[in-house]
């Protein structure tokens, strides 16, 4: 019996439904869906806040720290 068997997954689903109940599973699904939706909206907002490379004026300093190069022998 492998994990590909439909009977295996049906038995697992029945056991999970008996342990948690359908109402709790429904709530978990709604919470998970809301979290995914919020994540997608956050990703869209995050990309719209940053200016494109074409919109940046010339001479901007790139954020970061420059360290001296050490010569290794």
C-alpha atoms as a PDB file:
ATOM      1  CA  UNK A   1       0.000   0.000   0.000  1.00  0.00           C
ATOM      2  CA  UNK A   2       1.484   3.283  -1.096  1.00  0.00           C
ATOM      3  CA  UNK A   3       0.460   6.850  -0.631  1.00  0.00           C
ATOM      4  CA  UNK A   4      -1.078   6.872  -4.110  1.00  0.00           C
ATOM      5  CA  UNK A   5      -3.993   4.660  -3.083  1.00  0.00           C
ATOM      6  CA  UNK A   6      -7.386   6.421  -2.978  1.00  0.00           C
ATOM      7  CA  UNK A   7      -8.496   4.157  -0.138  1.00  0.00           C
ATOM      8  CA  UNK A   8      -5.581   5.275   1.986  1.00  0.00           C
ATOM      9  CA  UNK A   9      -6.554   8.951   1.596  1.00  0.00           C
ATOM     10  CA  UNK A  10     -10.239   8.252   2.214  1.00  0.00           C
ATOM     11  CA  UNK A  11      -9.433   6.522   5.505  1.00  0.00           C
ATOM     12  CA  UNK A  12      -7.135   9.382   6.529  1.00  0.00           C
ATOM     13  CA  UNK A  13      -9.865  11.913   5.673  1.00  0.00           C
ATOM     14  CA  UNK A  14     -12.465  10.026   7.729  1.00  0.00           C
ATOM     15  CA  UNK A  15     -10.125   9.841  10.732  1.00  0.00           C
ATOM     16  CA  UNK A  16      -9.323  13.564  10.508  1.00  0.00           C
ATOM     17  CA  UNK A  17     -13.046  14.406  10.286  1.00  0.00           C
ATOM     18  CA  UNK A  18     -13.764  12.253  13.338  1.00  0.00           C
ATOM     19  CA  UNK A  19     -11.002  13.895  15.362  1.00  0.00           C
ATOM     20  CA  UNK A  20     -11.569  17.542  14.437  1.00  0.00           C
ATOM     21  CA  UNK A  21     -15.143  17.634  13.211  1.00  0.00           C
ATOM     22  CA  UNK A  22     -16.399  19.321  10.052  1.00  0.00           C
ATOM     23  CA  UNK A  23     -17.092  22.691  11.698  1.00  0.00           C
ATOM     24  CA  UNK A  24     -13.513  23.096  12.918  1.00  0.00           C
ATOM     25  CA  UNK A  25     -12.141  21.985   9.537  1.00  0.00           C
ATOM     26  CA  UNK A  26     -14.350  24.579   7.825  1.00  0.00           C
ATOM     27  CA  UNK A  27     -13.005  27.289  10.142  1.00  0.00           C
ATOM     28  CA  UNK A  28      -9.421  26.232   9.497  1.00  0.00           C
ATOM     29  CA  UNK A  29     -10.052  26.374   5.735  1.00  0.00           C
ATOM     30  CA  UNK A  30     -11.570  29.862   5.984  1.00  0.00           C
ATOM     31  CA  UNK A  31      -8.656  31.101   8.106  1.00  0.00           C
ATOM     32  CA  UNK A  32      -6.132  29.635   5.699  1.00  0.00           C
ATOM     33  CA  UNK A  33      -7.902  31.183   2.715  1.00  0.00           C
ATOM     34  CA  UNK A  34      -7.955  34.590   4.415  1.00  0.00           C
ATOM     35  CA  UNK A  35      -4.256  34.333   5.188  1.00  0.00           C
ATOM     36  CA  UNK A  36      -3.402  33.500   1.579  1.00  0.00           C
ATOM     37  CA  UNK A  37      -5.567  36.379   0.329  1.00  0.00           C
ATOM     38  CA  UNK A  38      -3.883  38.805   2.736  1.00  0.00           C
ATOM     39  CA  UNK A  39      -0.456  37.576   1.664  1.00  0.00           C
ATOM     40  CA  UNK A  40      -1.270  38.126  -2.024  1.00  0.00           C
ATOM     41  CA  UNK A  41      -2.557  41.657  -1.328  1.00  0.00           C
ATOM     42  CA  UNK A  42       0.579  42.417   0.664  1.00  0.00           C
ATOM     43  CA  UNK A  43       2.767  41.240  -2.189  1.00  0.00           C
ATOM     44  CA  UNK A  44       0.892  43.492  -4.637  1.00  0.00           C
ATOM     45  CA  UNK A  45       1.269  46.504  -2.308  1.00  0.00           C
ATOM     46  CA  UNK A  46       4.941  45.771  -1.761  1.00  0.00           C
ATOM     47  CA  UNK A  47       5.762  45.824  -5.459  1.00  0.00           C
ATOM     48  CA  UNK A  48       3.780  48.998  -6.175  1.00  0.00           C
ATOM     49  CA  UNK A  49       5.622  51.013  -3.473  1.00  0.00           C
ATOM     50  CA  UNK A  50       9.055  50.626  -5.049  1.00  0.00           C
ATOM     51  CA  UNK A  51       9.847  52.816  -8.078  1.00  0.00           C
ATOM     52  CA  UNK A  52      10.943  51.170 -11.294  1.00  0.00           C
ATOM     53  CA  UNK A  53      14.539  51.430 -12.473  1.00  0.00           C
ATOM     54  CA  UNK A  54      13.435  53.722 -15.306  1.00  0.00           C
ATOM     55  CA  UNK A  55      11.820  56.140 -12.838  1.00  0.00           C
ATOM     56  CA  UNK A  56      14.869  56.490 -10.578  1.00  0.00           C
ATOM     57  CA  UNK A  57      16.877  59.678 -11.059  1.00  0.00           C
ATOM     58  CA  UNK A  58      20.548  59.360 -11.972  1.00  0.00           C
ATOM     59  CA  UNK A  59      23.115  59.405  -9.186  1.00  0.00           C
ATOM     60  CA  UNK A  60      21.173  57.533  -6.486  1.00  0.00           C
ATOM     61  CA  UNK A  61      23.233  55.701  -3.925  1.00  0.00           C
ATOM     62  CA  UNK A  62      22.545  52.019  -3.613  1.00  0.00           C
ATOM     63  CA  UNK A  63      21.784  51.019  -0.039  1.00  0.00           C
ATOM     64  CA  UNK A  64      24.491  48.972   1.563  1.00  0.00           C
ATOM     65  CA  UNK A  65      27.937  49.209   3.031  1.00  0.00           C
ATOM     66  CA  UNK A  66      31.163  49.227   1.076  1.00  0.00           C
ATOM     67  CA  UNK A  67      34.047  47.428   2.684  1.00  0.00           C
ATOM     68  CA  UNK A  68      37.638  47.510   1.597  1.00  0.00           C
ATOM     69  CA  UNK A  69      38.753  44.531  -0.415  1.00  0.00           C
ATOM     70  CA  UNK A  70      41.354  42.442   1.314  1.00  0.00           C
ATOM     71  CA  UNK A  71      44.030  40.796  -0.747  1.00  0.00           C
ATOM     72  CA  UNK A  72      44.296  37.102  -0.089  1.00  0.00           C
ATOM     73  CA  UNK A  73      47.408  35.200  -0.999  1.00  0.00           C
END
